[in-house]
Amino acid sequence: MDPRLRLEILDHCVDVGDINHYFSVTRLFTALHIMVQIANMYLKEGSLEKAYVLNLRFVMCFRRFHFHQYFGTVSSADKAVNCRNIIVVVAKAEELRARLLLQYTHEYEQYYDEQKEKRTEECREKEGSSKQHTITPLVKAPEGKEKTSPGTSGLSSSSTRPGVQ
């Protein structure tokens, strides 16, 4: 699959829906903080896709967070912490996107090379089997002479052999 298409599929996994106004703002800030911690854990484990998706979810939640009805009640210190987090998370998401694109491109090229090699091998096998079934003449007919069919042995119908006309 095309590497850019794979990244688009990951981008579509990010949909977070609407912010639930029944949850308190501090609880949502805590959830965002935990989301960043889990994304960092995935990154340490080497699961780039999961870390990328969680970082993008953080960004999307943070963007929609301003529409919460009690957003104005949040202290400026909490807003500042999350603003710093958003800068770091966006940078990580861009870095992960570049790494994933590089990884997907490498995997795509490797898959393409394997398929190309497989097809050439299949073509060689087909050529080998078709050469076994076709009979090639051992001696070429000299130029200017007619080729004879295998039962006539080069004799014409006006042969001098008795009984043959």
N, C-alpha and C. Protein backbone atom coordinates (compact mmCIF):
# COMPACT_ATOMS: atom_id res chain seq x y z
N MET A 1 0.85 -1.17 0.00
CA MET A 1 0.00 0.00 0.00
C MET A 1 0.90 1.24 0.00
N ASP A 2 0.43 2.26 -0.66
CA ASP A 2 1.19 3.51 -0.77
C ASP A 2 1.45 4.09 0.62
N PRO A 3 2.68 4.55 0.91
CA PRO A 3 3.00 5.06 2.23
C PRO A 3 2.14 6.26 2.66
N ARG A 4 1.86 7.14 1.74
CA ARG A 4 1.04 8.32 2.09
C ARG A 4 -0.39 7.91 2.40
N LEU A 5 -0.88 6.89 1.71
CA LEU A 5 -2.23 6.39 1.98
C LEU A 5 -2.29 5.76 3.37
N ARG A 6 -1.23 5.06 3.76
CA ARG A 6 -1.19 4.47 5.10
C ARG A 6 -1.22 5.56 6.18
N LEU A 7 -0.52 6.67 5.93
CA LEU A 7 -0.55 7.78 6.89
C LEU A 7 -1.94 8.42 6.93
N GLU A 8 -2.60 8.52 5.80
CA GLU A 8 -3.96 9.08 5.79
C GLU A 8 -4.90 8.20 6.60
N ILE A 9 -4.73 6.89 6.50
CA ILE A 9 -5.56 5.97 7.28
C ILE A 9 -5.33 6.19 8.77
N LEU A 10 -4.07 6.38 9.15
CA LEU A 10 -3.77 6.67 10.57
C LEU A 10 -4.40 8.00 10.99
N ASP A 11 -4.37 8.98 10.10
CA ASP A 11 -4.96 10.28 10.43
C ASP A 11 -6.46 10.16 10.66
N HIS A 12 -7.11 9.26 9.94
CA HIS A 12 -8.55 9.08 10.10
C HIS A 12 -8.89 8.33 11.39
N CYS A 13 -7.93 7.66 11.97
CA CYS A 13 -8.15 6.96 13.25
C CYS A 13 -8.20 7.93 14.42
N VAL A 14 -7.90 9.18 14.19
CA VAL A 14 -7.73 10.15 15.26
C VAL A 14 -9.06 10.76 15.71
N ASP A 15 -10.11 10.60 14.97
CA ASP A 15 -11.37 11.28 15.28
C ASP A 15 -11.74 11.09 16.75
N VAL A 16 -11.93 12.19 17.45
CA VAL A 16 -12.19 12.13 18.88
C VAL A 16 -13.63 12.45 19.24
N GLY A 17 -14.41 12.92 18.30
CA GLY A 17 -15.79 13.25 18.61
C GLY A 17 -15.89 14.59 19.31
N ASP A 18 -16.96 14.79 20.02
CA ASP A 18 -17.19 16.05 20.72
C ASP A 18 -16.74 15.96 22.16
N ILE A 19 -16.48 17.11 22.74
CA ILE A 19 -16.12 17.19 24.15
C ILE A 19 -17.39 17.04 24.98
N ASN A 20 -17.34 16.18 25.96
CA ASN A 20 -18.49 15.97 26.84
C ASN A 20 -18.49 17.04 27.93
N HIS A 21 -19.53 17.83 27.97
CA HIS A 21 -19.60 18.94 28.92
C HIS A 21 -19.92 18.48 30.35
N TYR A 22 -20.26 17.22 30.51
CA TYR A 22 -20.57 16.72 31.85
C TYR A 22 -19.32 16.47 32.69
N PHE A 23 -18.18 16.28 32.00
CA PHE A 23 -16.93 16.08 32.73
C PHE A 23 -16.35 17.43 33.10
N SER A 24 -15.74 17.47 34.27
CA SER A 24 -15.14 18.74 34.70
C SER A 24 -13.90 19.02 33.86
N VAL A 25 -13.54 20.27 33.81
CA VAL A 25 -12.40 20.70 33.01
C VAL A 25 -11.10 20.12 33.57
N THR A 26 -10.99 20.07 34.87
CA THR A 26 -9.77 19.53 35.47
C THR A 26 -9.62 18.04 35.15
N ARG A 27 -10.74 17.33 35.11
CA ARG A 27 -10.69 15.91 34.76
C ARG A 27 -10.25 15.73 33.30
N LEU A 28 -10.69 16.61 32.42
CA LEU A 28 -10.26 16.53 31.02
C LEU A 28 -8.79 16.88 30.87
N PHE A 29 -8.31 17.86 31.64
CA PHE A 29 -6.88 18.17 31.61
C PHE A 29 -6.06 16.98 32.10
N THR A 30 -6.54 16.30 33.11
CA THR A 30 -5.85 15.12 33.62
C THR A 30 -5.82 14.02 32.55
N ALA A 31 -6.94 13.85 31.85
CA ALA A 31 -7.00 12.85 30.78
C ALA A 31 -6.01 13.18 29.66
N LEU A 32 -5.88 14.45 29.33
CA LEU A 32 -4.91 14.86 28.31
C LEU A 32 -3.48 14.57 28.77
N HIS A 33 -3.21 14.83 30.04
CA HIS A 33 -1.87 14.57 30.59
C HIS A 33 -1.55 13.07 30.54
N ILE A 34 -2.52 12.26 30.90
CA ILE A 34 -2.32 10.80 30.86
C ILE A 34 -2.13 10.33 29.42
N MET A 35 -2.84 10.96 28.48
CA MET A 35 -2.70 10.61 27.07
C MET A 35 -1.27 10.85 26.59
N VAL A 36 -0.68 11.94 27.02
CA VAL A 36 0.71 12.25 26.65
C VAL A 36 1.66 11.22 27.27
N GLN A 37 1.42 10.84 28.52
CA GLN A 37 2.27 9.84 29.17
C GLN A 37 2.20 8.49 28.44
N ILE A 38 1.00 8.08 28.05
CA ILE A 38 0.85 6.80 27.34
C ILE A 38 1.52 6.87 25.98
N ALA A 39 1.40 8.02 25.29
CA ALA A 39 2.07 8.18 24.00
C ALA A 39 3.58 8.07 24.15
N ASN A 40 4.12 8.66 25.22
CA ASN A 40 5.56 8.55 25.47
C ASN A 40 5.97 7.11 25.76
N MET A 41 5.11 6.38 26.47
CA MET A 41 5.39 4.98 26.75
C MET A 41 5.40 4.17 25.45
N TYR A 42 4.43 4.41 24.57
CA TYR A 42 4.40 3.73 23.28
C TYR A 42 5.65 4.05 22.46
N LEU A 43 6.08 5.28 22.54
CA LEU A 43 7.28 5.68 21.81
C LEU A 43 8.51 4.95 22.32
N LYS A 44 8.62 4.79 23.63
CA LYS A 44 9.75 4.05 24.20
C LYS A 44 9.71 2.58 23.80
N GLU A 45 8.50 2.03 23.69
CA GLU A 45 8.35 0.62 23.28
C GLU A 45 8.62 0.42 21.80
N GLY A 46 8.59 1.50 21.04
CA GLY A 46 8.84 1.40 19.61
C GLY A 46 7.58 1.30 18.77
N SER A 47 6.45 1.49 19.38
CA SER A 47 5.19 1.45 18.65
C SER A 47 4.88 2.86 18.13
N LEU A 48 5.46 3.18 16.98
CA LEU A 48 5.36 4.52 16.44
C LEU A 48 3.93 4.89 16.05
N GLU A 49 3.20 3.92 15.50
CA GLU A 49 1.84 4.20 15.06
C GLU A 49 0.93 4.59 16.21
N LYS A 50 1.00 3.84 17.30
CA LYS A 50 0.16 4.14 18.46
C LYS A 50 0.54 5.48 19.08
N ALA A 51 1.83 5.75 19.17
CA ALA A 51 2.28 7.03 19.73
C ALA A 51 1.82 8.19 18.84
N TYR A 52 1.90 8.01 17.54
CA TYR A 52 1.47 9.05 16.60
C TYR A 52 -0.02 9.34 16.74
N VAL A 53 -0.82 8.27 16.81
CA VAL A 53 -2.27 8.44 16.93
C VAL A 53 -2.63 9.14 18.24
N LEU A 54 -1.99 8.75 19.34
CA LEU A 54 -2.29 9.39 20.63
C LEU A 54 -1.86 10.86 20.64
N ASN A 55 -0.73 11.15 20.05
CA ASN A 55 -0.30 12.55 20.00
C ASN A 55 -1.28 13.39 19.17
N LEU A 56 -1.74 12.84 18.06
CA LEU A 56 -2.73 13.58 17.26
C LEU A 56 -4.06 13.73 18.01
N ARG A 57 -4.44 12.71 18.75
CA ARG A 57 -5.67 12.82 19.55
C ARG A 57 -5.54 13.91 20.59
N PHE A 58 -4.36 14.01 21.20
CA PHE A 58 -4.13 15.08 22.16
C PHE A 58 -4.33 16.44 21.50
N VAL A 59 -3.76 16.60 20.32
CA VAL A 59 -3.87 17.88 19.61
C VAL A 59 -5.33 18.17 19.28
N MET A 60 -6.05 17.17 18.79
CA MET A 60 -7.46 17.38 18.43
C MET A 60 -8.30 17.69 19.67
N CYS A 61 -8.06 16.97 20.75
CA CYS A 61 -8.80 17.25 22.00
C CYS A 61 -8.50 18.65 22.50
N PHE A 62 -7.25 19.03 22.44
CA PHE A 62 -6.86 20.35 22.92
C PHE A 62 -7.53 21.45 22.10
N ARG A 63 -7.63 21.23 20.79
CA ARG A 63 -8.29 22.22 19.93
C ARG A 63 -9.78 22.33 20.25
N ARG A 64 -10.41 21.21 20.55
CA ARG A 64 -11.84 21.23 20.84
C ARG A 64 -12.13 21.62 22.29
N PHE A 65 -11.08 21.58 23.08
CA PHE A 65 -11.23 21.85 24.51
C PHE A 65 -11.72 23.28 24.77
N HIS A 66 -11.38 24.19 23.88
CA HIS A 66 -11.77 25.59 24.05
C HIS A 66 -13.29 25.77 23.95
N PHE A 67 -13.99 24.78 23.42
CA PHE A 67 -15.44 24.89 23.28
C PHE A 67 -16.19 24.36 24.50
N HIS A 68 -15.44 23.87 25.50
CA HIS A 68 -16.09 23.39 26.72
C HIS A 68 -16.73 24.57 27.42
N GLN A 69 -17.92 24.36 27.96
CA GLN A 69 -18.65 25.48 28.55
C GLN A 69 -17.97 26.06 29.79
N TYR A 70 -17.13 25.28 30.45
CA TYR A 70 -16.46 25.77 31.66
C TYR A 70 -14.97 26.04 31.42
N PHE A 71 -14.57 26.19 30.17
CA PHE A 71 -13.16 26.42 29.87
C PHE A 71 -12.67 27.73 30.50
N GLY A 72 -13.52 28.70 30.61
CA GLY A 72 -13.14 29.98 31.19
C GLY A 72 -12.80 29.90 32.67
N THR A 73 -13.20 28.83 33.35
CA THR A 73 -12.94 28.68 34.77
C THR A 73 -11.57 28.07 35.07
N VAL A 74 -10.88 27.64 34.05
CA VAL A 74 -9.57 27.00 34.24
C VAL A 74 -8.55 28.06 34.62
N SER A 75 -7.69 27.71 35.56
CA SER A 75 -6.66 28.66 35.98
C SER A 75 -5.66 28.88 34.86
N SER A 76 -5.04 30.02 34.86
CA SER A 76 -4.08 30.35 33.81
C SER A 76 -2.84 29.46 33.92
N ALA A 77 -2.52 28.96 35.09
CA ALA A 77 -1.37 28.05 35.25
C ALA A 77 -1.63 26.73 34.53
N ASP A 78 -2.85 26.19 34.66
CA ASP A 78 -3.19 24.95 33.96
C ASP A 78 -3.19 25.17 32.44
N LYS A 79 -3.70 26.31 32.01
CA LYS A 79 -3.70 26.62 30.57
C LYS A 79 -2.27 26.72 30.05
N ALA A 80 -1.39 27.32 30.83
CA ALA A 80 0.01 27.49 30.41
C ALA A 80 0.71 26.13 30.29
N VAL A 81 0.43 25.24 31.25
CA VAL A 81 1.04 23.90 31.21
C VAL A 81 0.60 23.17 29.94
N ASN A 82 -0.67 23.23 29.63
CA ASN A 82 -1.17 22.54 28.44
C ASN A 82 -0.71 23.22 27.16
N CYS A 83 -0.52 24.52 27.18
CA CYS A 83 0.03 25.20 26.01
C CYS A 83 1.47 24.76 25.74
N ARG A 84 2.24 24.58 26.81
CA ARG A 84 3.61 24.06 26.63
C ARG A 84 3.55 22.62 26.12
N ASN A 85 2.63 21.84 26.66
CA ASN A 85 2.48 20.45 26.22
C ASN A 85 2.10 20.38 24.74
N ILE A 86 1.23 21.27 24.30
CA ILE A 86 0.78 21.21 22.91
C ILE A 86 1.94 21.49 21.96
N ILE A 87 2.83 22.39 22.33
CA ILE A 87 3.99 22.68 21.48
C ILE A 87 4.89 21.46 21.37
N VAL A 88 5.14 20.81 22.49
CA VAL A 88 5.98 19.61 22.51
C VAL A 88 5.32 18.47 21.74
N VAL A 89 4.02 18.29 21.95
CA VAL A 89 3.30 17.17 21.33
C VAL A 89 3.20 17.36 19.82
N VAL A 90 2.97 18.59 19.37
CA VAL A 90 2.90 18.83 17.92
C VAL A 90 4.25 18.54 17.28
N ALA A 91 5.33 18.94 17.94
CA ALA A 91 6.67 18.64 17.41
C ALA A 91 6.91 17.14 17.35
N LYS A 92 6.49 16.41 18.39
CA LYS A 92 6.64 14.94 18.39
C LYS A 92 5.80 14.32 17.29
N ALA A 93 4.59 14.82 17.12
CA ALA A 93 3.71 14.26 16.10
C ALA A 93 4.30 14.46 14.70
N GLU A 94 4.88 15.62 14.46
CA GLU A 94 5.51 15.86 13.15
C GLU A 94 6.73 14.96 12.96
N GLU A 95 7.51 14.79 14.02
CA GLU A 95 8.67 13.90 13.94
C GLU A 95 8.23 12.45 13.69
N LEU A 96 7.19 12.02 14.40
CA LEU A 96 6.68 10.66 14.22
C LEU A 96 6.11 10.47 12.83
N ARG A 97 5.46 11.49 12.31
CA ARG A 97 4.91 11.42 10.96
C ARG A 97 6.04 11.21 9.95
N ALA A 98 7.12 11.95 10.10
CA ALA A 98 8.26 11.81 9.19
C ALA A 98 8.89 10.42 9.32
N ARG A 99 9.03 9.94 10.56
CA ARG A 99 9.61 8.61 10.77
C ARG A 99 8.73 7.52 10.20
N LEU A 100 7.41 7.66 10.39
CA LEU A 100 6.47 6.67 9.85
C LEU A 100 6.48 6.68 8.33
N LEU A 101 6.54 7.87 7.74
CA LEU A 101 6.59 7.95 6.29
C LEU A 101 7.85 7.28 5.75
N LEU A 102 8.96 7.50 6.43
CA LEU A 102 10.22 6.86 6.03
C LEU A 102 10.12 5.34 6.19
N GLN A 103 9.56 4.88 7.30
CA GLN A 103 9.40 3.45 7.54
C GLN A 103 8.46 2.82 6.50
N TYR A 104 7.33 3.47 6.25
CA TYR A 104 6.37 2.95 5.29
C TYR A 104 6.95 2.93 3.87
N THR A 105 7.73 3.96 3.54
CA THR A 105 8.37 4.00 2.23
C THR A 105 9.37 2.86 2.09
N HIS A 106 10.15 2.62 3.13
CA HIS A 106 11.11 1.51 3.11
C HIS A 106 10.38 0.17 2.97
N GLU A 107 9.31 -0.02 3.73
CA GLU A 107 8.55 -1.27 3.65
C GLU A 107 7.92 -1.45 2.27
N TYR A 108 7.43 -0.35 1.70
CA TYR A 108 6.81 -0.41 0.37
C TYR A 108 7.84 -0.78 -0.68
N GLU A 109 9.03 -0.15 -0.63
CA GLU A 109 10.09 -0.47 -1.58
C GLU A 109 10.54 -1.92 -1.43
N GLN A 110 10.66 -2.38 -0.20
CA GLN A 110 11.06 -3.76 0.04
C GLN A 110 10.02 -4.73 -0.51
N TYR A 111 8.74 -4.44 -0.27
CA TYR A 111 7.67 -5.28 -0.78
C TYR A 111 7.66 -5.26 -2.31
N TYR A 112 7.86 -4.08 -2.89
CA TYR A 112 7.88 -3.96 -4.35
C TYR A 112 9.03 -4.76 -4.94
N ASP A 113 10.21 -4.69 -4.33
CA ASP A 113 11.37 -5.45 -4.82
C ASP A 113 11.13 -6.95 -4.71
N GLU A 114 10.51 -7.39 -3.61
CA GLU A 114 10.21 -8.81 -3.44
C GLU A 114 9.22 -9.29 -4.51
N GLN A 115 8.20 -8.48 -4.78
CA GLN A 115 7.22 -8.86 -5.79
C GLN A 115 7.85 -8.88 -7.18
N LYS A 116 8.72 -7.93 -7.46
CA LYS A 116 9.41 -7.88 -8.75
C LYS A 116 10.28 -9.11 -8.93
N GLU A 117 11.01 -9.46 -7.87
CA GLU A 117 11.87 -10.65 -7.92
C GLU A 117 11.04 -11.92 -8.11
N LYS A 118 9.91 -11.97 -7.42
CA LYS A 118 9.03 -13.12 -7.51
C LYS A 118 8.48 -13.27 -8.93
N ARG A 119 8.10 -12.15 -9.54
CA ARG A 119 7.56 -12.19 -10.91
C ARG A 119 8.63 -12.60 -11.91
N THR A 120 9.85 -12.09 -11.76
CA THR A 120 10.91 -12.48 -12.68
C THR A 120 11.24 -13.97 -12.53
N GLU A 121 11.18 -14.46 -11.31
CA GLU A 121 11.42 -15.88 -11.09
C GLU A 121 10.32 -16.72 -11.75
N GLU A 122 9.08 -16.26 -11.63
CA GLU A 122 7.97 -16.97 -12.27
C GLU A 122 8.11 -16.95 -13.79
N CYS A 123 8.55 -15.82 -14.34
CA CYS A 123 8.75 -15.72 -15.79
C CYS A 123 9.86 -16.65 -16.24
N ARG A 124 10.93 -16.75 -15.45
CA ARG A 124 12.01 -17.66 -15.81
C ARG A 124 11.54 -19.11 -15.78
N GLU A 125 10.71 -19.44 -14.78
CA GLU A 125 10.17 -20.79 -14.71
C GLU A 125 9.27 -21.09 -15.91
N LYS A 126 8.47 -20.11 -16.31
CA LYS A 126 7.60 -20.30 -17.47
C LYS A 126 8.42 -20.45 -18.74
N GLU A 127 9.48 -19.65 -18.88
CA GLU A 127 10.35 -19.78 -20.04
C GLU A 127 11.02 -21.14 -20.06
N GLY A 128 11.46 -21.59 -18.91
CA GLY A 128 12.11 -22.90 -18.82
C GLY A 128 11.16 -24.02 -19.17
N SER A 129 9.93 -23.95 -18.71
CA SER A 129 8.96 -25.00 -19.02
C SER A 129 8.51 -24.92 -20.47
N SER A 130 8.43 -23.74 -21.06
CA SER A 130 8.03 -23.64 -22.46
C SER A 130 9.15 -24.11 -23.37
N LYS A 131 10.42 -23.95 -22.98
CA LYS A 131 11.53 -24.45 -23.79
C LYS A 131 11.57 -25.97 -23.78
N GLN A 132 11.11 -26.59 -22.72
CA GLN A 132 11.11 -28.03 -22.65
C GLN A 132 10.06 -28.62 -23.60
N HIS A 133 8.98 -27.92 -23.84
CA HIS A 133 7.89 -28.44 -24.67
C HIS A 133 8.07 -28.13 -26.14
N THR A 134 8.83 -27.15 -26.52
CA THR A 134 9.03 -26.84 -27.94
C THR A 134 10.26 -27.59 -28.43
N ILE A 135 10.15 -28.06 -29.66
CA ILE A 135 11.25 -28.80 -30.27
C ILE A 135 11.99 -27.85 -31.19
N THR A 136 13.24 -27.69 -30.95
CA THR A 136 14.04 -26.81 -31.78
C THR A 136 14.84 -27.67 -32.74
N PRO A 137 14.92 -27.26 -34.00
CA PRO A 137 15.70 -28.06 -34.96
C PRO A 137 17.18 -28.00 -34.62
N LEU A 138 17.83 -29.13 -34.83
CA LEU A 138 19.25 -29.19 -34.54
C LEU A 138 20.08 -28.52 -35.63
N VAL A 139 19.59 -28.63 -36.87
CA VAL A 139 20.33 -28.07 -37.99
C VAL A 139 19.41 -27.08 -38.70
N LYS A 140 19.93 -25.95 -39.04
CA LYS A 140 19.15 -24.97 -39.77
C LYS A 140 19.13 -25.36 -41.24
N ALA A 141 18.00 -25.07 -41.87
CA ALA A 141 17.90 -25.32 -43.31
C ALA A 141 18.74 -24.27 -44.03
N PRO A 142 19.47 -24.70 -45.05
CA PRO A 142 20.29 -23.73 -45.78
C PRO A 142 19.40 -22.70 -46.48
N GLU A 143 19.94 -21.53 -46.68
CA GLU A 143 19.18 -20.47 -47.30
C GLU A 143 18.90 -20.81 -48.76
N GLY A 144 17.71 -20.46 -49.22
CA GLY A 144 17.33 -20.72 -50.60
C GLY A 144 16.68 -22.08 -50.79
N LYS A 145 16.80 -22.98 -49.89
CA LYS A 145 16.18 -24.30 -49.99
C LYS A 145 14.87 -24.27 -49.23
N GLU A 146 13.92 -25.03 -49.66
CA GLU A 146 12.65 -25.12 -48.98
C GLU A 146 12.78 -26.02 -47.77
N LYS A 147 12.04 -25.68 -46.78
CA LYS A 147 12.02 -26.53 -45.60
C LYS A 147 11.09 -27.69 -45.89
N THR A 148 11.47 -28.82 -45.40
CA THR A 148 10.65 -30.02 -45.65
C THR A 148 9.92 -30.40 -44.40
N SER A 149 8.79 -30.98 -44.54
CA SER A 149 8.06 -31.45 -43.39
C SER A 149 8.64 -32.77 -42.94
N PRO A 150 8.43 -33.15 -41.71
CA PRO A 150 9.12 -34.32 -41.18
C PRO A 150 8.74 -35.62 -41.88
N GLY A 151 7.89 -35.91 -42.62
CA GLY A 151 7.65 -37.23 -43.21
C GLY A 151 8.13 -37.34 -44.63
N THR A 152 8.52 -36.28 -45.28
CA THR A 152 8.86 -36.33 -46.70
C THR A 152 10.33 -36.54 -46.95
N SER A 153 11.16 -36.30 -46.05
CA SER A 153 12.60 -36.48 -46.11
C SER A 153 13.23 -35.76 -47.29
N GLY A 154 12.63 -34.68 -47.71
CA GLY A 154 13.24 -33.84 -48.73
C GLY A 154 13.03 -34.34 -50.15
N LEU A 155 12.29 -35.42 -50.37
CA LEU A 155 12.07 -35.94 -51.72
C LEU A 155 10.81 -35.34 -52.31
N SER A 156 10.85 -35.07 -53.56
CA SER A 156 9.66 -34.54 -54.22
C SER A 156 8.79 -35.69 -54.69
N SER A 157 7.62 -35.37 -55.23
CA SER A 157 6.70 -36.43 -55.67
C SER A 157 7.18 -37.11 -56.93
N SER A 158 8.08 -36.52 -57.66
CA SER A 158 8.63 -37.16 -58.87
C SER A 158 9.92 -37.88 -58.52
N SER A 159 9.85 -38.70 -57.52
CA SER A 159 11.01 -39.40 -57.03
C SER A 159 11.33 -40.58 -57.94
N THR A 160 12.56 -40.99 -57.92
CA THR A 160 12.99 -42.12 -58.73
C THR A 160 12.83 -43.43 -57.96
N ARG A 161 12.38 -43.35 -56.77
CA ARG A 161 12.18 -44.55 -55.98
C ARG A 161 10.99 -45.32 -56.52
N PRO A 162 11.12 -46.62 -56.63
CA PRO A 162 10.00 -47.40 -57.16
C PRO A 162 8.84 -47.41 -56.19
N GLY A 163 7.66 -47.31 -56.69
CA GLY A 163 6.44 -47.38 -55.90
C GLY A 163 6.01 -46.07 -55.29
N VAL A 164 6.79 -45.03 -55.52
CA VAL A 164 6.44 -43.75 -54.96
C VAL A 164 6.16 -42.79 -56.12
N GLN A 165 5.05 -42.16 -56.09
CA GLN A 165 4.73 -41.23 -57.17
C GLN A 165 4.74 -39.83 -56.70
